[in-house]
Structures are given as structure tokens and as C-alpha cells.
Amino acid sequence: MGLLSAQTETDMSVLQAYLQVLLAQENISIAEYAVALAQQETNRAEILFQAGKITQSDYAQVVSKQSQNQAALVTATNGKRSAMLQLKQLLELPLDQEMELDCPAMEDSAVLAPLPAFSEICRRALENMPQVKAARFEKESAQLGVKAARSGWLPSVAFNVALAGSYNTLPEPSLADQFKNNLGLSAGVSVSIPIYDRGRTRAAVSKARISLQQTELNIQQAEKHISEYVESCYLDVQNAQAGFNASRDNLAAAQESYRLVSEQFRMGMKNTVEMLTEQEQLVQARQSLARYRYQALVNLLLLNLLQGLPLTMES
């Protein structure tokens, strides 16, 4: 049983593809930042190599890292092209059609939006999701079916009214007198009490009760499925937000560590491997922050969708 309607799933797929484009754009920015760092370190390494403070092997490692970062930038650029292609396909746009996207900054306040209580989100989702609504309507219909089946045991009362008359073609009496004298009205009431119907009513009631029990099970299954899905999304948001906070702290530490090691490398106190390691850790810290930002936003929007709330990235 799918939780979302076909249209809702399409809308969510488009939204995820759009966010993937934003993530791809951020990956390009990170790759450009890494290229700039590598270029800066290459310039420093060249000066140190010319001054005889580092070996040719050390200098070659720095130049190689610059080439690797250039290749990573190309990969990131291709990743955005692929993300744009997926978005165009979902929107059923031709590949050669130009498309300019509004790419707002994904603010930390939106990523770290406080979550309502799980019980409140679950309650809203159960009220909003069509599976539960449909199952409850089926239960109401089944309850009416039980009442209708039970009516076979109830006595039935029938009312009948008859109006009869005759007409004499003889000239006397007059037409008015004939209607007055020959018109008759009768009424009757009949009561039918069921005594034995070969078990047909009992079988119909049993069948209706089974149908009612099945609808109750359907409601329980739908509610359980939705609750588990909401719980999974809720946990994913909490994990992503926690990871985002940790990544922010890690990025701040990585920036400071790289600054110190880079300066020590320039002064000959750190070797090339140590400097390049710090540089790589700094880039990875930025990538981790972007990844957790994307994961948190996707799951926050999915929670909104389950609750019937508008899809927005505003904090």
C-alpha cells in the first residue's frame, strides 16, 4: 500500500530533484573552494621549493593535489548537469530547453527548524492521509451493512389501501349518485413475523460482521503503516539535524586547524603530507555539512507533506 497518491509522489519527486540541484550547486562551490585552496598551497610550495625548503617530491604532491581538485570540480559540474536533467525529465521538458532556477541559500534556520511533538505530527498525518480516511469510510459502510442484515429478523408491517367503484349505464340514477353509491374505499394492515428463513438472515449477519471486522483491521494496518513511516521520517530529521550541528562544529575546527598547519607548513614546521591532510579534512567537513543540510530539508518537507502542510523551505 503506497502512502502517497500518484500526484503527491510526483510533487515530492520534483521537490527532491530541485533540492538535488541545489546540493549539486553547493558541491560545485565546495569544489571551487578546494581548487582555490590547492592553488594557494601550490603557489606557496613553489616558493618553498625554489628556496630549497621542500623537496621536489613534496612539491609534486602539492601540484598533484591541485590536479585532483580540478578533476573533482569537473565531477561536481557534471553532477549538476545530471541533476538538472533529472529535473527536466520529471517536468517533461525537452533537454535543449533553457531553464533558470531560483537557487536560494539553504539557511541554517530552515535546516534546524524545531520539530513539533511526534504525537502531534502523527495525529495530523493520520487525519490527513487518504488511506485512513478511506478505511474509516469503509467501516461506516460495513456498520450499515450489519444493520441491514439484522433487519431480516425484524417483523415487517404492510399497509394497503384500495379504492373501487362501478358504473351503471342505465339513465337512472344520475352519474353523481352512482359515484356516491358505487364508490368503495378499503384499507388494511398486515404484519409479517419471520420465524424460519433457512438461516439466510443469520448467514447474512455473520458475513456483514466479518466485513466489519476486516475494515477495522484495515484501519489498524493503515494507522500502523503511517505511524511507522512518520516515525522513520521524524528520526531521519533528528539525525540529520544532529549531524548538521556536529558538522558545523567540525567545520569550524577544521578551518582553524588548517589555518595553523598551513602557516606551520610555510614556516617549515609541518611537512607536505600533514598540510594536504588538513586541506582534505577541511573540504570533507564542508561536504558533510552540505549533505546533512540536504537530508534534513528533504525529511522536513516530507513530514510537512504527510501532515498536509505546504511545502516550503522558509524557516
C-alpha atoms as a PDB file:
ATOM      1  CA  MET A   1       0.000   0.000   0.000  1.00  0.00           C
ATOM      2  CA  GLY A   2       1.571   3.287  -1.079  1.00  0.00           C
ATOM      3  CA  LEU A   3       1.322   6.074   1.440  1.00  0.00           C
ATOM      4  CA  LEU A   4       1.173   8.914  -1.065  1.00  0.00           C
ATOM      5  CA  SER A   5      -1.083   9.447  -4.041  1.00  0.00           C
ATOM      6  CA  ALA A   6       0.467   9.355  -7.504  1.00  0.00           C
ATOM      7  CA  GLN A   7       0.283  13.146  -7.832  1.00  0.00           C
ATOM      8  CA  THR A   8       1.759  13.712  -4.382  1.00  0.00           C
ATOM      9  CA  GLU A   9       4.603  11.303  -5.110  1.00  0.00           C
ATOM     10  CA  THR A  10       5.292  13.201  -8.339  1.00  0.00           C
ATOM     11  CA  ASP A  11       5.325  16.523  -6.495  1.00  0.00           C
ATOM     12  CA  MET A  12       7.728  15.127  -3.909  1.00  0.00           C
ATOM     13  CA  SER A  13       9.976  13.709  -6.633  1.00  0.00           C
ATOM     14  CA  VAL A  14      10.142  17.119  -8.314  1.00  0.00           C
ATOM     15  CA  LEU A  15      10.932  18.769  -4.996  1.00  0.00           C
ATOM     16  CA  GLN A  16      13.684  16.268  -4.242  1.00  0.00           C
ATOM     17  CA  ALA A  17      15.145  16.764  -7.723  1.00  0.00           C
ATOM     18  CA  TYR A  18      15.104  20.528  -7.191  1.00  0.00           C
ATOM     19  CA  LEU A  19      16.879  20.165  -3.840  1.00  0.00           C
ATOM     20  CA  GLN A  20      19.366  17.835  -5.507  1.00  0.00           C
ATOM     21  CA  VAL A  21      20.168  20.635  -7.953  1.00  0.00           C
ATOM     22  CA  LEU A  22      20.756  22.982  -5.004  1.00  0.00           C
ATOM     23  CA  LEU A  23      23.038  20.391  -3.392  1.00  0.00           C
ATOM     24  CA  ALA A  24      24.890  19.928  -6.679  1.00  0.00           C
ATOM     25  CA  GLN A  25      25.398  23.689  -6.904  1.00  0.00           C
ATOM     26  CA  GLU A  26      26.763  23.721  -3.357  1.00  0.00           C
ATOM     27  CA  ASN A  27      29.096  20.849  -4.258  1.00  0.00           C
ATOM     28  CA  ILE A  28      30.413  22.963  -7.123  1.00  0.00           C
ATOM     29  CA  SER A  29      31.062  25.833  -4.704  1.00  0.00           C
ATOM     30  CA  ILE A  30      32.913  23.450  -2.385  1.00  0.00           C
ATOM     31  CA  ALA A  31      34.965  22.085  -5.292  1.00  0.00           C
ATOM     32  CA  GLU A  32      35.841  25.632  -6.389  1.00  0.00           C
ATOM     33  CA  TYR A  33      36.870  26.402  -2.819  1.00  0.00           C
ATOM     34  CA  ALA A  34      39.092  23.303  -2.818  1.00  0.00           C
ATOM     35  CA  VAL A  35      40.685  24.381  -6.119  1.00  0.00           C
ATOM     36  CA  ALA A  36      41.382  27.821  -4.680  1.00  0.00           C
ATOM     37  CA  LEU A  37      42.986  26.273  -1.583  1.00  0.00           C
ATOM     38  CA  ALA A  38      45.105  23.962  -3.725  1.00  0.00           C
ATOM     39  CA  GLN A  39      46.187  26.836  -5.932  1.00  0.00           C
ATOM     40  CA  GLN A  40      47.156  28.856  -2.887  1.00  0.00           C
ATOM     41  CA  GLU A  41      49.175  25.974  -1.474  1.00  0.00           C
ATOM     42  CA  THR A  42      50.766  25.302  -4.864  1.00  0.00           C
ATOM     43  CA  ASN A  43      51.955  28.906  -5.032  1.00  0.00           C
ATOM     44  CA  ARG A  44      53.418  28.600  -1.530  1.00  0.00           C
ATOM     45  CA  ALA A  45      55.009  25.245  -2.314  1.00  0.00           C
ATOM     46  CA  GLU A  46      56.633  26.666  -5.435  1.00  0.00           C
ATOM     47  CA  ILE A  47      58.222  29.442  -3.402  1.00  0.00           C
ATOM     48  CA  LEU A  48      59.422  26.943  -0.782  1.00  0.00           C
ATOM     49  CA  PHE A  49      60.759  24.622  -3.472  1.00  0.00           C
ATOM     50  CA  GLN A  50      62.665  27.441  -5.175  1.00  0.00           C
ATOM     51  CA  ALA A  51      64.087  28.369  -1.773  1.00  0.00           C
ATOM     52  CA  GLY A  52      65.129  24.777  -1.195  1.00  0.00           C
ATOM     53  CA  LYS A  53      62.913  24.316   1.887  1.00  0.00           C
ATOM     54  CA  ILE A  54      60.946  21.390   0.440  1.00  0.00           C
ATOM     55  CA  THR A  55      61.906  18.608  -1.916  1.00  0.00           C
ATOM     56  CA  GLN A  56      60.793  18.169  -5.490  1.00  0.00           C
ATOM     57  CA  SER A  57      58.701  15.178  -4.332  1.00  0.00           C
ATOM     58  CA  ASP A  58      56.869  17.374  -1.810  1.00  0.00           C
ATOM     59  CA  TYR A  59      56.249  19.994  -4.472  1.00  0.00           C
ATOM     60  CA  ALA A  60      54.947  17.323  -6.873  1.00  0.00           C
ATOM     61  CA  GLN A  61      52.461  16.113  -4.219  1.00  0.00           C
ATOM     62  CA  VAL A  62      51.034  19.612  -3.861  1.00  0.00           C
ATOM     63  CA  VAL A  63      50.710  20.016  -7.631  1.00  0.00           C
ATOM     64  CA  SER A  64      49.068  16.586  -7.852  1.00  0.00           C
ATOM     65  CA  LYS A  65      46.521  17.612  -5.219  1.00  0.00           C
ATOM     66  CA  GLN A  66      45.682  20.656  -7.279  1.00  0.00           C
ATOM     67  CA  SER A  67      45.018  18.429 -10.300  1.00  0.00           C
ATOM     68  CA  GLN A  68      42.824  16.153  -8.203  1.00  0.00           C
ATOM     69  CA  ASN A  69      40.764  19.109  -7.042  1.00  0.00           C
ATOM     70  CA  GLN A  70      40.375  20.310 -10.632  1.00  0.00           C
ATOM     71  CA  ALA A  71      39.063  16.874 -11.551  1.00  0.00           C
ATOM     72  CA  ALA A  72      36.678  16.973  -8.563  1.00  0.00           C
ATOM     73  CA  LEU A  73      35.349  20.300  -9.854  1.00  0.00           C
ATOM     74  CA  VAL A  74      34.620  18.736 -13.230  1.00  0.00           C
ATOM     75  CA  THR A  75      32.837  15.856 -11.489  1.00  0.00           C
ATOM     76  CA  ALA A  76      30.755  18.284  -9.424  1.00  0.00           C
ATOM     77  CA  THR A  77      29.817  20.233 -12.557  1.00  0.00           C
ATOM     78  CA  ASN A  78      28.733  17.031 -14.284  1.00  0.00           C
ATOM     79  CA  GLY A  79      26.727  16.144 -11.195  1.00  0.00           C
ATOM     80  CA  LYS A  80      24.740  19.335 -11.516  1.00  0.00           C
ATOM     81  CA  ARG A  81      24.088  18.616 -15.198  1.00  0.00           C
ATOM     82  CA  SER A  82      22.733  15.191 -14.249  1.00  0.00           C
ATOM     83  CA  ALA A  83      20.547  16.719 -11.532  1.00  0.00           C
ATOM     84  CA  MET A  84      19.199  19.277 -13.986  1.00  0.00           C
ATOM     85  CA  LEU A  85      18.478  16.522 -16.492  1.00  0.00           C
ATOM     86  CA  GLN A  86      16.508  14.550 -13.917  1.00  0.00           C
ATOM     87  CA  LEU A  87      14.504  17.646 -13.004  1.00  0.00           C
ATOM     88  CA  LYS A  88      13.722  18.373 -16.663  1.00  0.00           C
ATOM     89  CA  GLN A  89      12.579  14.803 -17.203  1.00  0.00           C
ATOM     90  CA  LEU A  90      10.231  14.994 -14.218  1.00  0.00           C
ATOM     91  CA  LEU A  91       8.852  18.280 -15.573  1.00  0.00           C
ATOM     92  CA  GLU A  92       8.639  16.720 -19.061  1.00  0.00           C
ATOM     93  CA  LEU A  93      10.776  19.461 -20.583  1.00  0.00           C
ATOM     94  CA  PRO A  94      12.980  18.926 -23.648  1.00  0.00           C
ATOM     95  CA  LEU A  95      16.684  18.533 -22.956  1.00  0.00           C
ATOM     96  CA  ASP A  96      17.650  21.556 -25.061  1.00  0.00           C
ATOM     97  CA  GLN A  97      15.231  23.908 -23.320  1.00  0.00           C
ATOM     98  CA  GLU A  98      16.936  26.541 -21.206  1.00  0.00           C
ATOM     99  CA  MET A  99      15.863  26.527 -17.571  1.00  0.00           C
ATOM    100  CA  GLU A 100      16.946  29.072 -14.995  1.00  0.00           C
ATOM    101  CA  LEU A 101      16.345  28.022 -11.403  1.00  0.00           C
ATOM    102  CA  ASP A 102      15.969  30.219  -8.396  1.00  0.00           C
ATOM    103  CA  CYS A 103      18.592  28.780  -6.052  1.00  0.00           C
ATOM    104  CA  PRO A 104      18.086  30.400  -2.652  1.00  0.00           C
ATOM    105  CA  ALA A 105      20.600  29.819   0.095  1.00  0.00           C
ATOM    106  CA  MET A 106      19.522  26.967   2.337  1.00  0.00           C
ATOM    107  CA  GLU A 107      19.601  28.846   5.620  1.00  0.00           C
ATOM    108  CA  ASP A 108      20.588  27.120   8.842  1.00  0.00           C
ATOM    109  CA  SER A 109      17.342  28.295  10.455  1.00  0.00           C
ATOM    110  CA  ALA A 110      15.346  26.266   7.919  1.00  0.00           C
ATOM    111  CA  VAL A 111      17.510  23.192   8.437  1.00  0.00           C
ATOM    112  CA  LEU A 112      17.233  23.430  12.224  1.00  0.00           C
ATOM    113  CA  ALA A 113      13.515  24.234  12.339  1.00  0.00           C
ATOM    114  CA  PRO A 114      12.141  22.896  15.649  1.00  0.00           C
ATOM    115  CA  LEU A 115      10.007  19.791  15.350  1.00  0.00           C
ATOM    116  CA  PRO A 116       6.554  19.529  16.940  1.00  0.00           C
ATOM    117  CA  ALA A 117       5.966  16.606  19.266  1.00  0.00           C
ATOM    118  CA  PHE A 118       5.950  13.266  17.460  1.00  0.00           C
ATOM    119  CA  SER A 119       2.450  12.516  18.751  1.00  0.00           C
ATOM    120  CA  GLU A 120       1.158  15.757  17.213  1.00  0.00           C
ATOM    121  CA  ILE A 121       2.751  15.066  13.822  1.00  0.00           C
ATOM    122  CA  CYS A 122       1.415  11.517  13.880  1.00  0.00           C
ATOM    123  CA  ARG A 123      -2.094  12.736  14.746  1.00  0.00           C
ATOM    124  CA  ARG A 124      -2.088  15.207  11.855  1.00  0.00           C
ATOM    125  CA  ALA A 125      -0.769  12.588   9.445  1.00  0.00           C
ATOM    126  CA  LEU A 126      -3.483  10.109  10.450  1.00  0.00           C
ATOM    127  CA  GLU A 127      -6.117  12.801   9.899  1.00  0.00           C
ATOM    128  CA  ASN A 128      -4.664  13.828   6.550  1.00  0.00           C
ATOM    129  CA  MET A 129      -3.618  10.619   4.833  1.00  0.00           C
ATOM    130  CA  PRO A 130      -6.278   9.292   2.413  1.00  0.00           C
ATOM    131  CA  GLN A 131      -5.662   5.640   3.325  1.00  0.00           C
ATOM    132  CA  VAL A 132      -7.032   6.132   6.841  1.00  0.00           C
ATOM    133  CA  LYS A 133      -9.945   8.238   5.613  1.00  0.00           C
ATOM    134  CA  ALA A 134     -10.894   5.578   3.066  1.00  0.00           C
ATOM    135  CA  ALA A 135     -10.618   2.796   5.651  1.00  0.00           C
ATOM    136  CA  ARG A 136     -12.869   4.677   8.054  1.00  0.00           C
ATOM    137  CA  PHE A 137     -15.478   5.251   5.357  1.00  0.00           C
ATOM    138  CA  GLU A 138     -15.386   1.539   4.607  1.00  0.00           C
ATOM    139  CA  LYS A 139     -16.018   0.819   8.300  1.00  0.00           C
ATOM    140  CA  GLU A 140     -19.060   3.100   8.316  1.00  0.00           C
ATOM    141  CA  SER A 141     -20.394   1.320   5.240  1.00  0.00           C
ATOM    142  CA  ALA A 142     -19.797  -2.063   6.877  1.00  0.00           C
ATOM    143  CA  GLN A 143     -21.659  -0.954  10.012  1.00  0.00           C
ATOM    144  CA  LEU A 144     -24.651  -0.048   7.848  1.00  0.00           C
ATOM    145  CA  GLY A 145     -24.321  -3.450   6.197  1.00  0.00           C
ATOM    146  CA  VAL A 146     -24.632  -5.165   9.591  1.00  0.00           C
ATOM    147  CA  LYS A 147     -27.763  -3.154  10.402  1.00  0.00           C
ATOM    148  CA  ALA A 148     -29.265  -4.003   7.034  1.00  0.00           C
ATOM    149  CA  ALA A 149     -28.550  -7.714   7.524  1.00  0.00           C
ATOM    150  CA  ARG A 150     -30.093  -7.686  11.008  1.00  0.00           C
ATOM    151  CA  SER A 151     -33.298  -6.207   9.618  1.00  0.00           C
ATOM    152  CA  GLY A 152     -34.105  -9.687   8.301  1.00  0.00           C
ATOM    153  CA  TRP A 153     -35.012 -10.689  11.887  1.00  0.00           C
ATOM    154  CA  LEU A 154     -37.424  -7.790  12.408  1.00  0.00           C
ATOM    155  CA  PRO A 155     -41.178  -8.046  11.776  1.00  0.00           C
ATOM    156  CA  SER A 156     -42.486  -6.166   8.791  1.00  0.00           C
ATOM    157  CA  VAL A 157     -45.707  -4.156   8.646  1.00  0.00           C
ATOM    158  CA  ALA A 158     -47.543  -3.523   5.377  1.00  0.00           C
ATOM    159  CA  PHE A 159     -50.311  -1.017   4.798  1.00  0.00           C
ATOM    160  CA  ASN A 160     -52.642  -1.247   1.819  1.00  0.00           C
ATOM    161  CA  VAL A 161     -55.453   0.983   0.626  1.00  0.00           C
ATOM    162  CA  ALA A 162     -57.888   0.137  -2.176  1.00  0.00           C
ATOM    163  CA  LEU A 163     -60.389   2.297  -3.989  1.00  0.00           C
ATOM    164  CA  ALA A 164     -63.067   0.515  -6.097  1.00  0.00           C
ATOM    165  CA  GLY A 165     -66.204   1.590  -7.910  1.00  0.00           C
ATOM    166  CA  SER A 166     -68.735   0.580 -10.581  1.00  0.00           C
ATOM    167  CA  TYR A 167     -70.748   2.409 -13.200  1.00  0.00           C
ATOM    168  CA  ASN A 168     -74.246   1.673 -14.478  1.00  0.00           C
ATOM    169  CA  THR A 169     -75.092   2.782 -17.980  1.00  0.00           C
ATOM    170  CA  LEU A 170     -78.806   2.938 -17.281  1.00  0.00           C
ATOM    171  CA  PRO A 171     -80.151   6.503 -17.321  1.00  0.00           C
ATOM    172  CA  GLU A 172     -81.047   6.372 -13.671  1.00  0.00           C
ATOM    173  CA  PRO A 173     -79.719   7.132 -11.186  1.00  0.00           C
ATOM    174  CA  SER A 174     -77.564  10.134 -12.101  1.00  0.00           C
ATOM    175  CA  LEU A 175     -73.795   9.962 -12.566  1.00  0.00           C
ATOM    176  CA  ALA A 176     -73.199  11.789  -9.319  1.00  0.00           C
ATOM    177  CA  ASP A 177     -75.431   9.358  -7.439  1.00  0.00           C
ATOM    178  CA  GLN A 178     -73.612   6.412  -8.980  1.00  0.00           C
ATOM    179  CA  PHE A 179     -70.262   7.716  -7.801  1.00  0.00           C
ATOM    180  CA  LYS A 180     -71.731   8.355  -4.393  1.00  0.00           C
ATOM    181  CA  ASN A 181     -73.338   4.912  -4.088  1.00  0.00           C
ATOM    182  CA  ASN A 182     -70.936   2.673  -6.034  1.00  0.00           C
ATOM    183  CA  LEU A 183     -67.542   4.018  -4.936  1.00  0.00           C
ATOM    184  CA  GLY A 184     -65.900   1.959  -2.183  1.00  0.00           C
ATOM    185  CA  LEU A 185     -62.737   2.530  -0.121  1.00  0.00           C
ATOM    186  CA  SER A 186     -60.953  -0.182   1.816  1.00  0.00           C
ATOM    187  CA  ALA A 187     -57.781  -0.243   3.923  1.00  0.00           C
ATOM    188  CA  GLY A 188     -55.786  -2.962   5.628  1.00  0.00           C
ATOM    189  CA  VAL A 189     -52.748  -3.665   7.704  1.00  0.00           C
ATOM    190  CA  SER A 190     -50.680  -6.841   7.570  1.00  0.00           C
ATOM    191  CA  VAL A 191     -47.897  -7.881   9.933  1.00  0.00           C
ATOM    192  CA  SER A 192     -45.252 -10.433   8.895  1.00  0.00           C
ATOM    193  CA  ILE A 193     -43.185 -12.026  11.665  1.00  0.00           C
ATOM    194  CA  PRO A 194     -40.147 -14.010  10.452  1.00  0.00           C
ATOM    195  CA  ILE A 195     -39.929 -17.403  12.144  1.00  0.00           C
ATOM    196  CA  TYR A 196     -37.724 -19.516   9.922  1.00  0.00           C
ATOM    197  CA  ASP A 197     -35.859 -18.436   6.772  1.00  0.00           C
ATOM    198  CA  ARG A 198     -33.487 -21.397   6.471  1.00  0.00           C
ATOM    199  CA  GLY A 199     -30.651 -19.433   8.148  1.00  0.00           C
ATOM    200  CA  ARG A 200     -30.369 -16.860   5.372  1.00  0.00           C
ATOM    201  CA  THR A 201     -30.534 -13.894   7.760  1.00  0.00           C
ATOM    202  CA  ARG A 202     -28.057 -15.437  10.184  1.00  0.00           C
ATOM    203  CA  ALA A 203     -25.609 -16.066   7.357  1.00  0.00           C
ATOM    204  CA  ALA A 204     -26.044 -12.515   6.041  1.00  0.00           C
ATOM    205  CA  VAL A 205     -25.414 -11.058   9.511  1.00  0.00           C
ATOM    206  CA  SER A 206     -22.316 -13.219  10.011  1.00  0.00           C
ATOM    207  CA  LYS A 207     -20.947 -12.175   6.643  1.00  0.00           C
ATOM    208  CA  ALA A 208     -21.616  -8.496   7.391  1.00  0.00           C
ATOM    209  CA  ARG A 209     -19.870  -8.794  10.762  1.00  0.00           C
ATOM    210  CA  ILE A 210     -16.832 -10.374   9.126  1.00  0.00           C
ATOM    211  CA  SER A 211     -16.716  -7.475   6.659  1.00  0.00           C
ATOM    212  CA  LEU A 212     -16.888  -5.039   9.573  1.00  0.00           C
ATOM    213  CA  GLN A 213     -14.027  -6.791  11.359  1.00  0.00           C
ATOM    214  CA  GLN A 214     -11.963  -6.669   8.177  1.00  0.00           C
ATOM    215  CA  THR A 215     -12.473  -2.904   7.877  1.00  0.00           C
ATOM    216  CA  GLU A 216     -11.356  -2.490  11.492  1.00  0.00           C
ATOM    217  CA  LEU A 217      -8.198  -4.462  10.704  1.00  0.00           C
ATOM    218  CA  ASN A 218      -7.652  -2.305   7.610  1.00  0.00           C
ATOM    219  CA  ILE A 219      -7.827   0.837   9.772  1.00  0.00           C
ATOM    220  CA  GLN A 220      -5.338  -0.595  12.251  1.00  0.00           C
ATOM    221  CA  GLN A 221      -2.952  -1.607   9.473  1.00  0.00           C
ATOM    222  CA  ALA A 222      -3.201   1.781   7.758  1.00  0.00           C
ATOM    223  CA  GLU A 223      -2.617   3.640  11.026  1.00  0.00           C
ATOM    224  CA  LYS A 224       0.306   1.366  11.926  1.00  0.00           C
ATOM    225  CA  HIS A 225       1.895   1.769   8.491  1.00  0.00           C
ATOM    226  CA  ILE A 226       1.581   5.557   8.563  1.00  0.00           C
ATOM    227  CA  SER A 227       2.793   5.816  12.174  1.00  0.00           C
ATOM    228  CA  GLU A 228       5.892   3.764  11.351  1.00  0.00           C
ATOM    229  CA  TYR A 229       6.578   5.877   8.265  1.00  0.00           C
ATOM    230  CA  VAL A 230       6.202   9.132  10.224  1.00  0.00           C
ATOM    231  CA  GLU A 231       8.437   7.756  12.973  1.00  0.00           C
ATOM    232  CA  SER A 232      11.118   6.898  10.420  1.00  0.00           C
ATOM    233  CA  CYS A 233      10.984  10.378   8.851  1.00  0.00           C
ATOM    234  CA  TYR A 234      10.956  12.002  12.284  1.00  0.00           C
ATOM    235  CA  LEU A 235      14.075  10.078  13.309  1.00  0.00           C
ATOM    236  CA  ASP A 236      15.767  10.923   9.998  1.00  0.00           C
ATOM    237  CA  VAL A 237      15.172  14.635  10.638  1.00  0.00           C
ATOM    238  CA  GLN A 238      16.552  14.396  14.172  1.00  0.00           C
ATOM    239  CA  ASN A 239      19.626  12.502  12.964  1.00  0.00           C
ATOM    240  CA  ALA A 240      20.232  14.947  10.117  1.00  0.00           C
ATOM    241  CA  GLN A 241      19.847  17.973  12.383  1.00  0.00           C
ATOM    242  CA  ALA A 242      22.218  16.448  14.935  1.00  0.00           C
ATOM    243  CA  GLY A 243      24.683  15.658  12.146  1.00  0.00           C
ATOM    244  CA  PHE A 244      24.336  19.194  10.793  1.00  0.00           C
ATOM    245  CA  ASN A 245      25.141  20.708  14.193  1.00  0.00           C
ATOM    246  CA  ALA A 246      28.115  18.399  14.632  1.00  0.00           C
ATOM    247  CA  SER A 247      29.316  19.186  11.093  1.00  0.00           C
ATOM    248  CA  ARG A 248      29.173  22.919  11.784  1.00  0.00           C
ATOM    249  CA  ASP A 249      31.382  22.467  14.830  1.00  0.00           C
ATOM    250  CA  ASN A 250      33.677  20.152  12.889  1.00  0.00           C
ATOM    251  CA  LEU A 251      33.963  22.660  10.058  1.00  0.00           C
ATOM    252  CA  ALA A 252      34.919  25.453  12.436  1.00  0.00           C
ATOM    253  CA  ALA A 253      37.589  23.220  13.993  1.00  0.00           C
ATOM    254  CA  ALA A 254      38.842  22.073  10.582  1.00  0.00           C
ATOM    255  CA  GLN A 255      39.169  25.671   9.368  1.00  0.00           C
ATOM    256  CA  GLU A 256      41.214  26.661  12.379  1.00  0.00           C
ATOM    257  CA  SER A 257      43.341  23.511  12.198  1.00  0.00           C
ATOM    258  CA  TYR A 258      44.041  24.055   8.514  1.00  0.00           C
ATOM    259  CA  ARG A 259      44.971  27.678   9.121  1.00  0.00           C
ATOM    260  CA  LEU A 260      47.510  26.692  11.764  1.00  0.00           C
ATOM    261  CA  VAL A 261      49.015  23.774   9.818  1.00  0.00           C
ATOM    262  CA  SER A 262      49.193  25.814   6.609  1.00  0.00           C
ATOM    263  CA  GLU A 263      51.122  28.513   8.432  1.00  0.00           C
ATOM    264  CA  GLN A 264      53.406  25.923  10.014  1.00  0.00           C
ATOM    265  CA  PHE A 265      53.973  24.377   6.582  1.00  0.00           C
ATOM    266  CA  ARG A 266      55.049  27.741   5.260  1.00  0.00           C
ATOM    267  CA  MET A 267      57.498  28.036   8.149  1.00  0.00           C
ATOM    268  CA  GLY A 268      58.811  24.530   7.597  1.00  0.00           C
ATOM    269  CA  MET A 269      57.341  23.126  10.802  1.00  0.00           C
ATOM    270  CA  LYS A 270      54.895  20.768   9.046  1.00  0.00           C
ATOM    271  CA  ASN A 271      55.508  18.509   6.094  1.00  0.00           C
ATOM    272  CA  THR A 272      53.554  18.290   2.855  1.00  0.00           C
ATOM    273  CA  VAL A 273      51.506  15.247   3.849  1.00  0.00           C
ATOM    274  CA  GLU A 274      50.303  16.929   7.039  1.00  0.00           C
ATOM    275  CA  MET A 275      49.278  20.065   5.165  1.00  0.00           C
ATOM    276  CA  LEU A 276      47.460  18.158   2.424  1.00  0.00           C
ATOM    277  CA  THR A 277      45.691  16.005   5.014  1.00  0.00           C
ATOM    278  CA  GLU A 278      44.365  19.090   6.788  1.00  0.00           C
ATOM    279  CA  GLN A 279      43.290  20.545   3.466  1.00  0.00           C
ATOM    280  CA  GLU A 280      41.368  17.367   2.586  1.00  0.00           C
ATOM    281  CA  GLN A 281      39.716  17.257   6.011  1.00  0.00           C
ATOM    282  CA  LEU A 282      38.569  20.837   5.593  1.00  0.00           C
ATOM    283  CA  VAL A 283      36.958  20.071   2.231  1.00  0.00           C
ATOM    284  CA  GLN A 284      35.331  16.930   3.620  1.00  0.00           C
ATOM    285  CA  ALA A 285      33.912  18.932   6.546  1.00  0.00           C
ATOM    286  CA  ARG A 286      32.229  21.323   4.109  1.00  0.00           C
ATOM    287  CA  GLN A 287      30.852  18.406   2.096  1.00  0.00           C
ATOM    288  CA  SER A 288      29.499  16.744   5.240  1.00  0.00           C
ATOM    289  CA  LEU A 289      27.706  19.943   6.234  1.00  0.00           C
ATOM    290  CA  ALA A 290      26.085  20.206   2.794  1.00  0.00           C
ATOM    291  CA  ARG A 291      24.989  16.567   2.876  1.00  0.00           C
ATOM    292  CA  TYR A 292      23.337  16.853   6.296  1.00  0.00           C
ATOM    293  CA  ARG A 293      21.656  20.095   5.222  1.00  0.00           C
ATOM    294  CA  TYR A 294      20.107  18.348   2.226  1.00  0.00           C
ATOM    295  CA  GLN A 295      18.998  15.299   4.257  1.00  0.00           C
ATOM    296  CA  ALA A 296      17.353  17.452   6.927  1.00  0.00           C
ATOM    297  CA  LEU A 297      15.473  19.587   4.402  1.00  0.00           C
ATOM    298  CA  VAL A 298      14.165  16.618   2.418  1.00  0.00           C
ATOM    299  CA  ASN A 299      12.803  14.877   5.507  1.00  0.00           C
ATOM    300  CA  LEU A 300      11.362  18.087   6.970  1.00  0.00           C
ATOM    301  CA  LEU A 301       9.468  18.676   3.742  1.00  0.00           C
ATOM    302  CA  LEU A 302       8.298  15.066   3.704  1.00  0.00           C
ATOM    303  CA  LEU A 303       6.924  15.448   7.240  1.00  0.00           C
ATOM    304  CA  ASN A 304       5.057  18.556   6.097  1.00  0.00           C
ATOM    305  CA  LEU A 305       3.664  16.628   3.164  1.00  0.00           C
ATOM    306  CA  LEU A 306       2.408  13.828   5.414  1.00  0.00           C
ATOM    307  CA  GLN A 307       0.644  16.380   7.607  1.00  0.00           C
ATOM    308  CA  GLY A 308      -0.950  18.184   4.681  1.00  0.00           C
ATOM    309  CA  LEU A 309       1.147  21.311   5.287  1.00  0.00           C
ATOM    310  CA  PRO A 310       2.532  23.483   2.457  1.00  0.00           C
ATOM    311  CA  LEU A 311       5.923  22.566   1.026  1.00  0.00           C
ATOM    312  CA  THR A 312       8.247  25.456   1.846  1.00  0.00           C
ATOM    313  CA  MET A 313      11.868  25.878   2.878  1.00  0.00           C
ATOM    314  CA  GLU A 314      11.172  29.042   4.839  1.00  0.00           C
ATOM    315  CA  SER A 315      12.145  28.927   8.484  1.00  0.00           C
END
